[in-house]
Amino acid sequence: MPLALPAILAVHAPTAAQIARQLAAESHRCSGKLTLTGDGVGAVRVGATVAAVRKACHVGRVKKQRDDEAQLERVLEFKIGKTPITAELDHGRVWRVVVDGEDLKTLDKLGVGSPLSSLLAYGDVTAAEGEGWLYATIPGRCGVSFRLSYEPKTGEDRDNWTTALLSRLPADTQVTQVLLFGCKPSR
């Protein structure tokens, strides 16, 4: 029975064409029911200018703040519905979108609050440690990483967390944040 679950989910995983259609329908919006993709959410796209985000979204001024590694960064902070969004900036353009709320999901309903078991159902999930957290990625899902609630213990540092290692984490491990950093076309 466990072998059938990934096959069932694979049938429901969004295709590149479905994602492209969703992006086209939402690319100018910053409200309503929006979908997370590797390239962003609504009008908040990786590569978008500050002006383009401001035109579609109710955002204030660019803020300067310290990131997890104490580096000064420029960000736009606002909400889409009830979901806090941080658009991290580089040279006046969005380079990463951080999603911190449960209301926004991918086409296949993954996002903040999703249990690790939902990610593992996709098969060859891997994770890596960064910025003091554990981030999981799903094969074929470019531009998206899922921060997990599990904090690696001292001496548990690994360069690559495999699906087997991830499946041994506590059953209550879930997604606490989603990072959208853009899909680069393969060459």
C-alpha atoms as a PDB file:
ATOM      1  CA  MET A   1       0.000   0.000   0.000  1.00  0.00           C
ATOM      2  CA  PRO A   2       2.717   2.599   0.764  1.00  0.00           C
ATOM      3  CA  LEU A   3       4.040   2.257  -2.791  1.00  0.00           C
ATOM      4  CA  ALA A   4       0.699   3.303  -4.270  1.00  0.00           C
ATOM      5  CA  LEU A   5       0.544   6.652  -2.464  1.00  0.00           C
ATOM      6  CA  PRO A   6       3.330   8.366  -4.473  1.00  0.00           C
ATOM      7  CA  ALA A   7       1.746   7.084  -7.694  1.00  0.00           C
ATOM      8  CA  ILE A   8      -1.643   8.476  -6.667  1.00  0.00           C
ATOM      9  CA  LEU A   9      -0.147  11.839  -5.701  1.00  0.00           C
ATOM     10  CA  ALA A  10       1.900  11.991  -8.898  1.00  0.00           C
ATOM     11  CA  VAL A  11      -1.352  11.920 -10.844  1.00  0.00           C
ATOM     12  CA  HIS A  12      -2.509  14.979  -8.881  1.00  0.00           C
ATOM     13  CA  ALA A  13       0.801  16.873  -8.976  1.00  0.00           C
ATOM     14  CA  PRO A  14       0.506  19.970 -11.158  1.00  0.00           C
ATOM     15  CA  THR A  15       2.057  19.906 -14.607  1.00  0.00           C
ATOM     16  CA  ALA A  16       4.250  22.701 -15.938  1.00  0.00           C
ATOM     17  CA  ALA A  17       1.365  23.750 -18.193  1.00  0.00           C
ATOM     18  CA  GLN A  18      -1.059  23.952 -15.243  1.00  0.00           C
ATOM     19  CA  ILE A  19       1.399  26.065 -13.295  1.00  0.00           C
ATOM     20  CA  ALA A  20       1.968  28.352 -16.298  1.00  0.00           C
ATOM     21  CA  ARG A  21      -1.799  28.872 -16.729  1.00  0.00           C
ATOM     22  CA  GLN A  22      -2.161  29.649 -13.014  1.00  0.00           C
ATOM     23  CA  LEU A  23       0.722  32.141 -13.171  1.00  0.00           C
ATOM     24  CA  ALA A  24      -0.785  33.925 -16.147  1.00  0.00           C
ATOM     25  CA  ALA A  25      -4.143  34.215 -14.401  1.00  0.00           C
ATOM     26  CA  GLU A  26      -2.657  35.572 -11.153  1.00  0.00           C
ATOM     27  CA  SER A  27       0.465  37.480 -12.222  1.00  0.00           C
ATOM     28  CA  HIS A  28      -1.094  40.945 -11.847  1.00  0.00           C
ATOM     29  CA  ARG A  29      -2.897  40.333  -8.536  1.00  0.00           C
ATOM     30  CA  CYS A  30      -1.971  40.662  -4.892  1.00  0.00           C
ATOM     31  CA  SER A  31      -5.247  39.633  -3.285  1.00  0.00           C
ATOM     32  CA  GLY A  32      -7.764  36.850  -3.363  1.00  0.00           C
ATOM     33  CA  LYS A  33      -6.980  33.176  -3.660  1.00  0.00           C
ATOM     34  CA  LEU A  34      -3.439  33.004  -5.039  1.00  0.00           C
ATOM     35  CA  THR A  35      -1.164  30.029  -5.693  1.00  0.00           C
ATOM     36  CA  LEU A  36       2.448  29.530  -4.596  1.00  0.00           C
ATOM     37  CA  THR A  37       4.871  28.572  -7.367  1.00  0.00           C
ATOM     38  CA  GLY A  38       8.637  28.477  -7.523  1.00  0.00           C
ATOM     39  CA  ASP A  39       8.551  31.904  -9.164  1.00  0.00           C
ATOM     40  CA  GLY A  40       6.442  33.649  -6.529  1.00  0.00           C
ATOM     41  CA  VAL A  41       2.837  34.334  -5.637  1.00  0.00           C
ATOM     42  CA  GLY A  42       0.511  36.607  -7.593  1.00  0.00           C
ATOM     43  CA  ALA A  43       2.273  39.821  -8.612  1.00  0.00           C
ATOM     44  CA  VAL A  44       5.126  39.099  -6.196  1.00  0.00           C
ATOM     45  CA  ARG A  45       7.473  37.346  -8.629  1.00  0.00           C
ATOM     46  CA  VAL A  46      11.168  36.646  -8.408  1.00  0.00           C
ATOM     47  CA  GLY A  47      12.761  39.298 -10.628  1.00  0.00           C
ATOM     48  CA  ALA A  48       9.882  41.802 -10.255  1.00  0.00           C
ATOM     49  CA  THR A  49      10.823  45.408  -9.588  1.00  0.00           C
ATOM     50  CA  VAL A  50       9.818  47.165  -6.386  1.00  0.00           C
ATOM     51  CA  ALA A  51       7.604  49.440  -8.500  1.00  0.00           C
ATOM     52  CA  ALA A  52       5.765  46.458 -10.027  1.00  0.00           C
ATOM     53  CA  VAL A  53       5.108  44.924  -6.598  1.00  0.00           C
ATOM     54  CA  ARG A  54       3.949  48.274  -5.206  1.00  0.00           C
ATOM     55  CA  LYS A  55       1.588  48.769  -8.146  1.00  0.00           C
ATOM     56  CA  ALA A  56      -0.259  45.517  -7.371  1.00  0.00           C
ATOM     57  CA  CYS A  57       0.193  45.208  -3.610  1.00  0.00           C
ATOM     58  CA  HIS A  58      -0.368  47.494  -0.653  1.00  0.00           C
ATOM     59  CA  VAL A  59       3.200  47.806   0.586  1.00  0.00           C
ATOM     60  CA  GLY A  60       5.023  50.511   2.454  1.00  0.00           C
ATOM     61  CA  ARG A  61       8.576  51.622   2.058  1.00  0.00           C
ATOM     62  CA  VAL A  62      11.571  49.363   1.601  1.00  0.00           C
ATOM     63  CA  LYS A  63      12.913  48.356   5.009  1.00  0.00           C
ATOM     64  CA  LYS A  64      16.434  47.482   6.006  1.00  0.00           C
ATOM     65  CA  GLN A  65      16.799  44.623   8.455  1.00  0.00           C
ATOM     66  CA  ARG A  66      19.278  41.991   9.572  1.00  0.00           C
ATOM     67  CA  ASP A  67      18.845  38.513   8.126  1.00  0.00           C
ATOM     68  CA  ASP A  68      19.474  35.199   9.937  1.00  0.00           C
ATOM     69  CA  GLU A  69      23.194  35.606   9.312  1.00  0.00           C
ATOM     70  CA  ALA A  70      23.280  39.211  10.639  1.00  0.00           C
ATOM     71  CA  GLN A  71      23.709  40.665   7.131  1.00  0.00           C
ATOM     72  CA  LEU A  72      21.823  43.849   6.288  1.00  0.00           C
ATOM     73  CA  GLU A  73      19.127  43.211   3.687  1.00  0.00           C
ATOM     74  CA  ARG A  74      16.409  45.260   2.009  1.00  0.00           C
ATOM     75  CA  VAL A  75      12.848  43.894   2.131  1.00  0.00           C
ATOM     76  CA  LEU A  76       9.217  44.672   1.463  1.00  0.00           C
ATOM     77  CA  GLU A  77       6.921  43.316   4.174  1.00  0.00           C
ATOM     78  CA  PHE A  78       3.161  43.080   3.679  1.00  0.00           C
ATOM     79  CA  LYS A  79       0.273  40.634   3.727  1.00  0.00           C
ATOM     80  CA  ILE A  80      -1.651  38.837   1.053  1.00  0.00           C
ATOM     81  CA  GLY A  81      -4.925  38.228   2.843  1.00  0.00           C
ATOM     82  CA  LYS A  82      -3.850  37.070   6.300  1.00  0.00           C
ATOM     83  CA  THR A  83      -0.516  35.673   5.114  1.00  0.00           C
ATOM     84  CA  PRO A  84       2.670  37.586   5.973  1.00  0.00           C
ATOM     85  CA  ILE A  85       4.948  37.955   2.941  1.00  0.00           C
ATOM     86  CA  THR A  86       8.523  39.189   2.838  1.00  0.00           C
ATOM     87  CA  ALA A  87       9.947  40.062  -0.561  1.00  0.00           C
ATOM     88  CA  GLU A  88      13.722  40.110  -0.198  1.00  0.00           C
ATOM     89  CA  LEU A  89      15.376  42.549  -2.593  1.00  0.00           C
ATOM     90  CA  ASP A  90      18.613  42.771  -4.522  1.00  0.00           C
ATOM     91  CA  HIS A  91      19.353  45.780  -6.749  1.00  0.00           C
ATOM     92  CA  GLY A  92      15.700  46.895  -6.646  1.00  0.00           C
ATOM     93  CA  ARG A  93      14.283  43.512  -7.652  1.00  0.00           C
ATOM     94  CA  VAL A  94      12.738  40.627  -5.734  1.00  0.00           C
ATOM     95  CA  TRP A  95      15.249  37.789  -5.399  1.00  0.00           C
ATOM     96  CA  ARG A  96      13.306  35.645  -2.894  1.00  0.00           C
ATOM     97  CA  VAL A  97       9.764  35.523  -1.513  1.00  0.00           C
ATOM     98  CA  VAL A  98       9.222  34.262   2.039  1.00  0.00           C
ATOM     99  CA  VAL A  99       5.735  32.999   2.948  1.00  0.00           C
ATOM    100  CA  ASP A 100       4.905  32.752   6.656  1.00  0.00           C
ATOM    101  CA  GLY A 101       1.205  31.881   6.761  1.00  0.00           C
ATOM    102  CA  GLU A 102      -1.088  28.936   6.100  1.00  0.00           C
ATOM    103  CA  ASP A 103      -3.577  30.546   3.690  1.00  0.00           C
ATOM    104  CA  LEU A 104      -1.431  30.364   0.533  1.00  0.00           C
ATOM    105  CA  LYS A 105      -0.624  26.938  -0.960  1.00  0.00           C
ATOM    106  CA  THR A 106       0.756  25.345  -4.111  1.00  0.00           C
ATOM    107  CA  LEU A 107      -1.671  23.915  -6.683  1.00  0.00           C
ATOM    108  CA  ASP A 108      -1.402  20.579  -4.876  1.00  0.00           C
ATOM    109  CA  LYS A 109      -2.086  22.157  -1.462  1.00  0.00           C
ATOM    110  CA  LEU A 110       1.440  22.240   0.014  1.00  0.00           C
ATOM    111  CA  GLY A 111       2.483  25.136   2.227  1.00  0.00           C
ATOM    112  CA  VAL A 112       2.921  26.309   5.794  1.00  0.00           C
ATOM    113  CA  GLY A 113       1.255  23.780   8.094  1.00  0.00           C
ATOM    114  CA  SER A 114       1.655  20.824   5.717  1.00  0.00           C
ATOM    115  CA  PRO A 115       2.973  17.750   7.525  1.00  0.00           C
ATOM    116  CA  LEU A 116       6.347  16.360   6.464  1.00  0.00           C
ATOM    117  CA  SER A 117       4.501  13.167   5.483  1.00  0.00           C
ATOM    118  CA  SER A 118       2.764  15.127   2.672  1.00  0.00           C
ATOM    119  CA  LEU A 119       6.144  16.092   1.247  1.00  0.00           C
ATOM    120  CA  LEU A 120       7.553  12.582   1.661  1.00  0.00           C
ATOM    121  CA  ALA A 121       4.640  11.169  -0.341  1.00  0.00           C
ATOM    122  CA  TYR A 122       6.252  12.692  -3.458  1.00  0.00           C
ATOM    123  CA  GLY A 123       9.160  10.265  -3.294  1.00  0.00           C
ATOM    124  CA  ASP A 124      12.775  11.355  -3.412  1.00  0.00           C
ATOM    125  CA  VAL A 125      12.568  14.354  -1.068  1.00  0.00           C
ATOM    126  CA  THR A 126      15.858  15.775   0.160  1.00  0.00           C
ATOM    127  CA  ALA A 127      16.717  18.475   2.646  1.00  0.00           C
ATOM    128  CA  ALA A 128      19.673  20.609   3.586  1.00  0.00           C
ATOM    129  CA  GLU A 129      20.508  22.778   6.551  1.00  0.00           C
ATOM    130  CA  GLY A 130      20.741  26.506   6.076  1.00  0.00           C
ATOM    131  CA  GLU A 131      20.311  29.630   8.162  1.00  0.00           C
ATOM    132  CA  GLY A 132      19.902  27.391  11.224  1.00  0.00           C
ATOM    133  CA  TRP A 133      16.948  25.469   9.777  1.00  0.00           C
ATOM    134  CA  LEU A 134      16.218  22.337   7.780  1.00  0.00           C
ATOM    135  CA  TYR A 135      14.787  22.991   4.277  1.00  0.00           C
ATOM    136  CA  ALA A 136      13.168  20.236   2.190  1.00  0.00           C
ATOM    137  CA  THR A 137      12.832  20.164  -1.580  1.00  0.00           C
ATOM    138  CA  ILE A 138      10.749  17.970  -3.860  1.00  0.00           C
ATOM    139  CA  PRO A 139      12.158  16.675  -7.170  1.00  0.00           C
ATOM    140  CA  GLY A 140      10.686  18.414 -10.192  1.00  0.00           C
ATOM    141  CA  ARG A 141       9.511  21.334  -8.045  1.00  0.00           C
ATOM    142  CA  CYS A 142      12.009  24.032  -8.959  1.00  0.00           C
ATOM    143  CA  GLY A 143      12.293  27.251  -7.023  1.00  0.00           C
ATOM    144  CA  VAL A 144      10.500  26.081  -3.854  1.00  0.00           C
ATOM    145  CA  SER A 145      11.874  24.970  -0.523  1.00  0.00           C
ATOM    146  CA  PHE A 146       9.927  24.133   2.607  1.00  0.00           C
ATOM    147  CA  ARG A 147      11.383  25.044   6.011  1.00  0.00           C
ATOM    148  CA  LEU A 148      10.647  22.289   8.500  1.00  0.00           C
ATOM    149  CA  SER A 149       9.819  22.623  12.182  1.00  0.00           C
ATOM    150  CA  TYR A 150      12.502  20.079  13.108  1.00  0.00           C
ATOM    151  CA  GLU A 151      15.708  21.677  14.393  1.00  0.00           C
ATOM    152  CA  PRO A 152      18.788  19.482  13.834  1.00  0.00           C
ATOM    153  CA  LYS A 153      20.564  18.541  17.049  1.00  0.00           C
ATOM    154  CA  THR A 154      24.252  19.146  17.741  1.00  0.00           C
ATOM    155  CA  GLY A 155      26.300  16.507  15.952  1.00  0.00           C
ATOM    156  CA  GLU A 156      23.429  15.753  13.590  1.00  0.00           C
ATOM    157  CA  ASP A 157      24.714  18.133  10.903  1.00  0.00           C
ATOM    158  CA  ARG A 158      24.456  16.637   7.455  1.00  0.00           C
ATOM    159  CA  ASP A 159      25.145  18.063   4.035  1.00  0.00           C
ATOM    160  CA  ASN A 160      22.276  16.062   2.560  1.00  0.00           C
ATOM    161  CA  TRP A 161      19.228  14.733   4.351  1.00  0.00           C
ATOM    162  CA  THR A 162      17.803  11.856   2.319  1.00  0.00           C
ATOM    163  CA  THR A 163      14.195  10.705   2.195  1.00  0.00           C
ATOM    164  CA  ALA A 164      15.148   7.820   4.513  1.00  0.00           C
ATOM    165  CA  LEU A 165      16.600  10.196   7.114  1.00  0.00           C
ATOM    166  CA  LEU A 166      13.670  12.589   6.819  1.00  0.00           C
ATOM    167  CA  SER A 167      11.170   9.756   7.303  1.00  0.00           C
ATOM    168  CA  ARG A 168      12.691   9.132  10.757  1.00  0.00           C
ATOM    169  CA  LEU A 169      11.921  12.642  11.999  1.00  0.00           C
ATOM    170  CA  PRO A 170       9.105  13.093  14.552  1.00  0.00           C
ATOM    171  CA  ALA A 171       5.606  12.554  13.136  1.00  0.00           C
ATOM    172  CA  ASP A 172       4.587  16.110  14.074  1.00  0.00           C
ATOM    173  CA  THR A 173       7.273  17.694  11.838  1.00  0.00           C
ATOM    174  CA  GLN A 174       5.628  20.189   9.522  1.00  0.00           C
ATOM    175  CA  VAL A 175       6.340  23.065   7.151  1.00  0.00           C
ATOM    176  CA  THR A 176       6.788  26.375   9.005  1.00  0.00           C
ATOM    177  CA  GLN A 177       7.784  28.607   6.090  1.00  0.00           C
ATOM    178  CA  VAL A 178       7.956  28.442   2.305  1.00  0.00           C
ATOM    179  CA  LEU A 179      10.768  30.038   0.289  1.00  0.00           C
ATOM    180  CA  LEU A 180      10.188  30.875  -3.380  1.00  0.00           C
ATOM    181  CA  PHE A 181      13.420  31.701  -5.167  1.00  0.00           C
ATOM    182  CA  GLY A 182      12.669  31.266  -8.867  1.00  0.00           C
ATOM    183  CA  CYS A 183      12.877  28.614 -11.530  1.00  0.00           C
ATOM    184  CA  LYS A 184      15.724  29.034 -13.934  1.00  0.00           C
ATOM    185  CA  PRO A 185      15.146  27.444 -17.353  1.00  0.00           C
ATOM    186  CA  SER A 186      17.434  24.474 -17.929  1.00  0.00           C
ATOM    187  CA  ARG A 187      19.932  24.856 -20.725  1.00  0.00           C
END
